[in-house]
């Protein structure tokens, strides 16, 4: 239940995480607290069919 509420909150904030589109070492945003979302280092988005993007600087998603 908490996971559903968190997904709704992220949607309200304008953050959409299409977790079914990514695999591998993709950063798990849904398990992060608000504080952690404020400064995420080494964000990784990976789709093993296409490749991987790693952000080298901290990103604020709040």
C-alpha atoms as a PDB file:
ATOM      1  CA  UNK A   1       0.000   0.000   0.000  1.00  0.00           C
ATOM      2  CA  UNK A   2       2.779   2.457   0.870  1.00  0.00           C
ATOM      3  CA  UNK A   3       4.410   1.816  -2.525  1.00  0.00           C
ATOM      4  CA  UNK A   4       1.174   2.843  -4.301  1.00  0.00           C
ATOM      5  CA  UNK A   5       0.925   6.061  -2.246  1.00  0.00           C
ATOM      6  CA  UNK A   6       4.561   6.883  -3.008  1.00  0.00           C
ATOM      7  CA  UNK A   7       3.996   6.362  -6.737  1.00  0.00           C
ATOM      8  CA  UNK A   8       1.005   8.717  -6.568  1.00  0.00           C
ATOM      9  CA  UNK A   9       3.151  11.316  -4.787  1.00  0.00           C
ATOM     10  CA  UNK A  10       5.878  11.053  -7.416  1.00  0.00           C
ATOM     11  CA  UNK A  11       3.249  11.512 -10.093  1.00  0.00           C
ATOM     12  CA  UNK A  12       1.970  14.671  -8.343  1.00  0.00           C
ATOM     13  CA  UNK A  13       5.515  16.012  -8.252  1.00  0.00           C
ATOM     14  CA  UNK A  14       5.819  15.456 -11.992  1.00  0.00           C
ATOM     15  CA  UNK A  15       8.191  12.529 -11.691  1.00  0.00           C
ATOM     16  CA  UNK A  16       7.250   9.528 -13.778  1.00  0.00           C
ATOM     17  CA  UNK A  17       9.269   6.377 -13.356  1.00  0.00           C
ATOM     18  CA  UNK A  18       8.634   3.788 -16.042  1.00  0.00           C
ATOM     19  CA  UNK A  19      10.330   0.980 -14.189  1.00  0.00           C
ATOM     20  CA  UNK A  20       9.124  -1.619 -16.678  1.00  0.00           C
ATOM     21  CA  UNK A  21      11.171   0.136 -19.392  1.00  0.00           C
ATOM     22  CA  UNK A  22      14.476  -0.229 -17.537  1.00  0.00           C
ATOM     23  CA  UNK A  23      16.460  -3.114 -16.113  1.00  0.00           C
ATOM     24  CA  UNK A  24      19.999  -3.930 -15.090  1.00  0.00           C
ATOM     25  CA  UNK A  25      21.599  -1.363 -12.800  1.00  0.00           C
ATOM     26  CA  UNK A  26      18.816   1.239 -13.047  1.00  0.00           C
ATOM     27  CA  UNK A  27      18.546   3.405  -9.923  1.00  0.00           C
ATOM     28  CA  UNK A  28      15.547   2.410  -7.792  1.00  0.00           C
ATOM     29  CA  UNK A  29      13.861   5.799  -7.237  1.00  0.00           C
ATOM     30  CA  UNK A  30      10.801   4.297  -5.544  1.00  0.00           C
ATOM     31  CA  UNK A  31      12.850   3.117  -2.574  1.00  0.00           C
ATOM     32  CA  UNK A  32      14.363   6.569  -1.902  1.00  0.00           C
ATOM     33  CA  UNK A  33      13.249   9.026   0.756  1.00  0.00           C
ATOM     34  CA  UNK A  34      12.535  12.692  -0.016  1.00  0.00           C
ATOM     35  CA  UNK A  35      15.949  13.610   1.363  1.00  0.00           C
ATOM     36  CA  UNK A  36      17.665  11.055  -0.867  1.00  0.00           C
ATOM     37  CA  UNK A  37      15.732  12.303  -3.920  1.00  0.00           C
ATOM     38  CA  UNK A  38      17.181  15.760  -3.205  1.00  0.00           C
ATOM     39  CA  UNK A  39      20.700  14.670  -4.076  1.00  0.00           C
ATOM     40  CA  UNK A  40      21.155  11.438  -5.994  1.00  0.00           C
ATOM     41  CA  UNK A  41      24.658  10.584  -7.123  1.00  0.00           C
ATOM     42  CA  UNK A  42      25.414   8.289 -10.052  1.00  0.00           C
ATOM     43  CA  UNK A  43      21.821   7.987 -11.291  1.00  0.00           C
ATOM     44  CA  UNK A  44      21.739   5.093 -13.710  1.00  0.00           C
ATOM     45  CA  UNK A  45      19.134   4.335 -16.371  1.00  0.00           C
ATOM     46  CA  UNK A  46      19.681   1.065 -18.193  1.00  0.00           C
ATOM     47  CA  UNK A  47      17.843  -0.897 -20.831  1.00  0.00           C
ATOM     48  CA  UNK A  48      19.999  -3.877 -21.724  1.00  0.00           C
ATOM     49  CA  UNK A  49      18.673  -3.836 -25.296  1.00  0.00           C
ATOM     50  CA  UNK A  50      19.803  -0.235 -25.877  1.00  0.00           C
ATOM     51  CA  UNK A  51      22.470   0.754 -23.356  1.00  0.00           C
ATOM     52  CA  UNK A  52      23.043   2.622 -20.126  1.00  0.00           C
ATOM     53  CA  UNK A  53      23.174   6.288 -19.068  1.00  0.00           C
ATOM     54  CA  UNK A  54      25.014   7.233 -15.875  1.00  0.00           C
ATOM     55  CA  UNK A  55      24.790  10.812 -14.620  1.00  0.00           C
ATOM     56  CA  UNK A  56      28.223  11.766 -13.278  1.00  0.00           C
ATOM     57  CA  UNK A  57      26.991  14.648 -11.096  1.00  0.00           C
ATOM     58  CA  UNK A  58      24.434  14.696  -8.291  1.00  0.00           C
ATOM     59  CA  UNK A  59      20.858  15.292  -9.463  1.00  0.00           C
ATOM     60  CA  UNK A  60      18.029  16.839  -7.424  1.00  0.00           C
ATOM     61  CA  UNK A  61      14.630  15.290  -8.233  1.00  0.00           C
ATOM     62  CA  UNK A  62      12.640  17.263  -5.690  1.00  0.00           C
END
